[in-house]
Protein backbone atom coordinates (compact mmCIF):
# COMPACT_ATOMS: atom_id res chain seq x y z
CA MET A 1 335.71 92.60 197.76
CA THR A 2 335.51 88.82 198.27
CA VAL A 3 335.21 86.57 195.14
CA ALA A 4 334.05 82.96 195.49
CA VAL A 5 334.56 80.16 192.86
CA THR A 6 332.60 76.94 193.03
CA ALA A 7 334.02 73.64 191.78
CA ALA A 8 337.40 75.14 192.47
CA GLY A 9 339.06 71.73 192.47
CA GLY A 10 337.96 71.10 188.85
CA GLN A 11 339.95 71.97 185.70
CA LEU A 12 338.32 75.22 185.02
CA GLY A 13 337.73 76.28 188.60
CA ARG A 14 341.27 75.83 189.54
CA LEU A 15 342.39 78.02 186.63
CA VAL A 16 340.10 80.84 187.68
CA VAL A 17 341.33 80.65 191.24
CA GLU A 18 344.93 80.95 189.98
CA ALA A 19 343.97 83.87 187.65
CA LEU A 20 342.33 85.59 190.69
CA LEU A 21 345.44 84.93 192.87
CA ALA A 22 347.73 86.28 190.04
CA ALA A 23 345.54 89.39 190.07
CA GLY A 24 346.24 89.88 193.78
CA GLU A 25 342.91 88.62 195.04
CA ARG A 26 342.39 86.19 197.93
CA PRO A 27 339.55 84.17 196.48
CA VAL A 28 337.19 81.81 198.21
CA ALA A 29 337.79 78.24 196.76
CA ILE A 30 334.70 76.20 197.26
CA VAL A 31 335.32 72.53 196.82
CA ARG A 32 333.93 69.13 197.83
CA ASP A 33 337.40 67.88 199.02
CA PRO A 34 339.70 70.55 200.41
CA GLY A 35 342.67 68.20 200.14
CA LYS A 36 342.54 68.59 196.28
CA VAL A 37 343.34 72.22 196.54
CA ALA A 38 345.91 72.26 199.38
CA ASP A 39 348.32 74.07 197.06
CA LEU A 40 345.79 76.77 196.43
CA ALA A 41 345.40 77.20 200.07
CA ALA A 42 349.17 77.44 200.58
CA ARG A 43 349.08 80.29 197.91
CA GLY A 44 346.41 82.29 199.75
CA ALA A 45 343.05 81.00 198.72
CA ASP A 46 340.42 80.74 201.39
CA VAL A 47 339.29 77.06 200.91
CA ARG A 48 335.74 76.24 201.99
CA GLN A 49 334.03 72.87 201.82
CA ALA A 50 330.63 72.50 200.11
CA SER A 51 328.95 70.49 197.50
CA TYR A 52 326.12 71.35 195.20
CA ASP A 53 323.76 69.09 197.02
CA ASP A 54 324.26 70.55 200.42
CA PRO A 55 322.39 73.86 200.89
CA ALA A 56 323.61 74.41 204.55
CA ALA A 57 327.21 74.00 203.56
CA LEU A 58 326.75 76.32 200.64
CA ASP A 59 325.28 79.00 202.92
CA ALA A 60 328.32 78.68 205.21
CA ALA A 61 330.74 78.80 202.26
CA LEU A 62 329.21 82.06 201.09
CA VAL A 63 329.31 83.98 204.29
CA GLY A 64 331.04 87.27 203.59
CA VAL A 65 331.26 86.73 199.85
CA ASP A 66 330.54 89.62 197.40
CA ARG A 67 330.78 87.87 193.94
CA VAL A 68 330.36 84.22 192.98
CA LEU A 69 331.27 82.19 189.93
CA LEU A 70 328.99 79.23 189.67
CA ILE A 71 330.81 76.78 187.53
CA SER A 72 328.47 74.18 185.92
CA GLY A 73 328.50 70.81 187.41
CA ASN A 74 329.13 67.50 185.48
CA GLU A 75 326.36 65.38 186.90
CA PHE A 76 324.01 65.37 183.93
CA GLY A 77 320.26 65.32 184.85
CA SER A 78 321.00 66.76 188.26
CA ARG A 79 322.63 69.94 187.31
CA ILE A 80 319.62 72.19 187.32
CA ALA A 81 318.70 71.24 190.86
CA GLN A 82 322.30 71.46 191.96
CA HIS A 83 322.79 74.87 190.28
CA THR A 84 319.52 76.15 191.79
CA ASN A 85 320.96 75.23 195.29
CA VAL A 86 323.99 77.58 194.64
CA ILE A 87 321.68 80.21 193.16
CA ARG A 88 319.40 80.26 196.29
CA ALA A 89 322.50 80.35 198.67
CA ALA A 90 323.77 83.26 196.75
CA GLU A 91 320.54 84.96 197.22
CA ARG A 92 320.46 84.44 200.82
CA ALA A 93 324.03 85.67 201.09
CA GLY A 94 323.05 88.82 199.35
CA VAL A 95 325.93 88.76 196.80
CA GLU A 96 326.25 91.57 194.43
CA LEU A 97 327.11 89.49 191.32
CA LEU A 98 326.49 85.83 190.34
CA ALA A 99 328.24 84.64 187.30
CA TYR A 100 327.52 81.33 185.55
CA THR A 101 329.53 79.32 183.00
CA SER A 102 326.88 78.39 180.42
CA ILE A 103 327.05 77.43 176.60
CA PRO A 104 326.64 79.53 173.46
CA ARG A 105 323.17 80.51 172.64
CA ALA A 106 321.77 78.39 175.45
CA GLU A 107 318.13 79.30 174.64
CA SER A 108 318.30 77.65 171.19
CA ASN A 109 321.36 75.39 171.33
CA SER A 110 320.34 71.89 170.30
CA MET A 111 323.16 69.98 172.09
CA VAL A 112 322.11 67.49 174.55
CA LEU A 113 324.71 69.21 176.84
CA ALA A 114 322.64 72.53 176.51
CA ALA A 115 319.49 71.40 178.21
CA ASP A 116 320.77 71.80 181.75
CA HIS A 117 322.40 75.08 180.91
CA ARG A 118 319.21 76.33 179.37
CA GLY A 119 317.32 75.24 182.56
CA THR A 120 319.87 77.01 184.84
CA GLU A 121 319.56 80.16 182.98
CA GLU A 122 315.77 80.17 183.40
CA VAL A 123 316.37 79.95 187.12
CA LEU A 124 318.87 82.75 187.01
CA ALA A 125 316.50 84.97 185.10
CA THR A 126 314.21 85.12 188.10
CA ALA A 127 317.06 85.36 190.71
CA SER A 128 317.06 88.25 193.11
CA VAL A 129 320.70 89.04 192.73
CA PRO A 130 322.45 90.54 189.65
CA THR A 131 323.73 87.90 187.31
CA VAL A 132 326.10 87.64 184.26
CA LEU A 133 326.20 84.78 181.83
CA LEU A 134 329.59 83.41 180.59
CA ARG A 135 328.55 81.29 177.67
CA ASN A 136 331.68 79.41 176.93
CA SER A 137 332.28 77.50 173.54
CA TRP A 138 334.46 74.54 173.38
CA TYR A 139 337.89 74.08 175.01
CA TRP A 140 340.60 73.07 172.67
CA GLU A 141 341.62 70.75 175.49
CA ASN A 142 338.61 68.72 174.80
CA TYR A 143 340.27 67.26 171.82
CA GLY A 144 343.30 65.93 173.76
CA GLY A 145 342.44 62.21 173.25
CA ALA A 146 341.57 62.77 169.65
CA VAL A 147 344.74 64.66 169.00
CA ALA A 148 346.93 61.94 170.36
CA ASN A 149 345.13 59.24 168.40
CA ALA A 150 345.29 61.38 165.18
CA ALA A 151 349.03 61.97 165.69
CA GLN A 152 349.52 58.23 165.64
CA SER A 153 346.98 57.19 163.07
CA GLY A 154 347.14 60.16 160.73
CA VAL A 155 343.37 60.52 160.92
CA LEU A 156 341.16 62.80 163.08
CA HIS A 157 337.72 61.44 163.27
CA GLY A 158 334.50 63.30 163.92
CA ALA A 159 330.91 64.00 163.00
CA MET A 160 330.95 67.81 162.45
CA ALA A 161 330.61 67.72 158.65
CA ALA A 162 331.32 71.24 157.42
CA GLY A 163 330.51 72.88 160.78
CA ARG A 164 332.92 75.10 162.53
CA VAL A 165 333.92 75.31 166.16
CA SER A 166 335.21 78.47 167.82
CA GLY A 167 337.37 77.16 170.58
CA ALA A 168 339.93 78.58 173.00
CA ALA A 169 342.22 77.33 175.72
CA ARG A 170 340.49 76.53 179.01
CA ALA A 171 342.82 79.17 180.57
CA ASP A 172 341.44 81.87 178.37
CA TYR A 173 337.97 81.23 179.60
CA ALA A 174 339.28 81.13 183.18
CA GLU A 175 341.05 84.46 182.73
CA ALA A 176 337.98 86.08 181.19
CA ALA A 177 335.90 84.86 184.13
CA ALA A 178 338.39 86.33 186.60
CA ARG A 179 338.23 89.71 184.78
CA VAL A 180 334.41 89.73 184.94
CA LEU A 181 334.50 88.79 188.68
CA THR A 182 336.88 91.59 189.55
CA GLY A 183 335.59 94.24 187.06
CA GLU A 184 332.80 96.51 186.77
CA GLY A 185 329.67 97.00 184.55
CA HIS A 186 329.03 93.32 183.93
CA GLU A 187 325.62 92.94 185.64
CA GLY A 188 322.99 91.69 183.30
CA ARG A 189 325.41 90.94 180.53
CA VAL A 190 325.31 87.84 178.33
CA TYR A 191 328.76 87.04 176.98
CA GLU A 192 328.91 84.64 174.01
CA LEU A 193 332.52 83.51 174.36
CA GLY A 194 334.57 81.76 171.77
CA GLY A 195 338.08 81.95 170.25
CA ASP A 196 339.30 83.97 167.25
CA GLU A 197 339.40 80.85 165.11
CA ALA A 198 336.28 79.15 163.75
CA LEU A 199 337.62 75.79 162.57
CA THR A 200 336.29 72.97 160.47
CA GLY A 201 337.22 69.34 161.03
CA ALA A 202 339.74 69.75 158.22
CA ASP A 203 341.06 72.90 159.92
CA LEU A 204 341.42 70.91 163.20
CA ALA A 205 343.31 68.28 161.34
CA SER A 206 345.68 70.91 159.94
CA ALA A 207 346.14 72.30 163.41
CA VAL A 208 347.17 68.85 164.62
CA THR A 209 349.62 68.59 161.73
CA GLU A 210 351.11 71.81 162.65
CA ALA A 211 351.43 70.98 166.42
CA LYS A 212 352.65 67.46 166.03
CA GLY A 213 354.69 67.58 162.83
CA VAL A 214 352.81 64.71 161.20
CA THR A 215 350.33 64.85 158.40
CA VAL A 216 346.77 64.36 159.73
CA ARG A 217 343.50 64.35 157.65
CA TYR A 218 339.90 64.77 158.80
CA GLU A 219 337.45 61.83 158.32
CA ASN A 220 333.77 62.66 158.74
CA HIS A 221 331.21 60.05 160.07
CA THR A 222 327.49 60.00 160.73
CA GLN A 223 326.44 60.61 164.32
CA ASP A 224 325.55 56.94 164.85
CA ASP A 225 328.83 55.67 163.40
CA TYR A 226 330.82 58.10 165.29
CA THR A 227 328.94 57.00 168.52
CA ALA A 228 329.81 53.46 167.73
CA ALA A 229 333.39 54.20 167.13
CA LEU A 230 333.72 56.11 170.39
CA ARG A 231 332.16 53.08 172.18
CA ALA A 232 334.58 50.70 170.52
CA ALA A 233 337.42 52.96 171.66
CA GLY A 234 336.29 52.30 175.25
CA LEU A 235 334.07 55.20 176.11
CA GLU A 236 331.06 54.47 178.30
CA ASP A 237 327.82 54.37 176.24
CA GLN A 238 326.22 57.48 177.56
CA TYR A 239 329.42 59.55 177.34
CA ALA A 240 329.94 58.39 173.76
CA ALA A 241 326.50 59.41 172.78
CA VAL A 242 326.91 62.82 174.33
CA LEU A 243 330.17 63.44 172.52
CA ALA A 244 328.91 62.29 169.18
CA ASP A 245 325.69 64.43 169.70
CA ALA A 246 327.97 67.55 170.48
CA ASP A 247 330.15 66.86 167.27
CA ALA A 248 327.01 66.56 165.17
CA ARG A 249 325.42 69.75 166.59
CA ILE A 250 328.76 71.56 165.88
CA GLY A 251 327.90 70.61 162.34
CA GLU A 252 324.77 72.67 162.75
CA GLY A 253 326.95 75.79 163.84
CA VAL A 254 325.93 75.83 167.57
CA LEU A 255 329.46 76.34 168.77
CA GLU A 256 330.52 78.96 166.14
CA VAL A 257 330.93 82.33 167.99
CA ASN A 258 331.88 85.43 166.23
CA THR A 259 331.16 88.14 168.88
CA GLY A 260 334.68 88.77 169.80
CA ASP A 261 333.72 88.95 173.36
CA LEU A 262 336.49 86.62 174.67
CA ALA A 263 339.26 88.63 173.12
CA LYS A 264 337.71 91.84 174.39
CA LEU A 265 337.51 90.62 177.98
CA LEU A 266 341.05 89.26 177.65
CA GLY A 267 342.52 92.25 175.92
CA ARG A 268 344.45 89.95 173.65
CA PRO A 269 343.77 87.20 171.10
CA ALA A 270 342.62 83.92 172.34
CA THR A 271 345.03 80.96 172.27
CA SER A 272 345.14 79.01 168.92
CA ALA A 273 344.21 75.35 168.61
CA ALA A 274 347.78 74.43 167.32
CA THR A 275 349.29 76.02 170.46
CA VAL A 276 347.05 73.95 172.81
CA PHE A 277 347.49 70.81 170.80
CA ALA A 278 351.29 71.12 170.85
CA ARG A 279 351.01 70.90 174.69
CA GLN A 280 348.99 67.67 174.60
């Protein structure tokens, strides 16, 4: 069985390839720039070059591949078309399983970030190959910059009000994906993946306190005020707006996941926020 991972040079993709290598597989690592994953090639990964915008290259990259993990791209507004290119290439290759990294409850999730996931899932619903949805909640690593700032200022800022987020370490989601790609019985499944902790803003501040050994409190803002604060901190306007929207939608519960699917796939508890924050 040959397993391919797209966007293998990215943060999640690299971790999935590493998990597959650790499991004794020789995965196909599909990347735009093979130079970024020379270390993975040295460890046994079969590195193939292709971008989401190049159907011919995707066809070549999927030759002889049995299972594919399509990791969602980061070019907002272009992602549905790009993901569709991968889906069609997987169909032409006749793969036996196509997994996609989506977002919790994509069909109803109100995040701006969810729109491209929802559109991709609609394409997958009509695909001629078996599919599985890995609906990943937040990575605790997403708070890296906020954790560093909070450790210095004593304040963790956000716009999630009393909402809760069920996060986990990026490596947890990668390991779960690797287990799905190498396991059996996952065809047609929809996994709502989130960590064992569902944390409020105040809980996140407590996790920073535990991880960094300094007292940190949470301060909530309106979405508009939080957007302005992120822009003032140097974030590009669109990125600041997307992050603030995500935080505000967390306040509506869109990233609170209580299925236990992640821990079941891992066979262990997910990594805590404090553990991840201590590494940042």
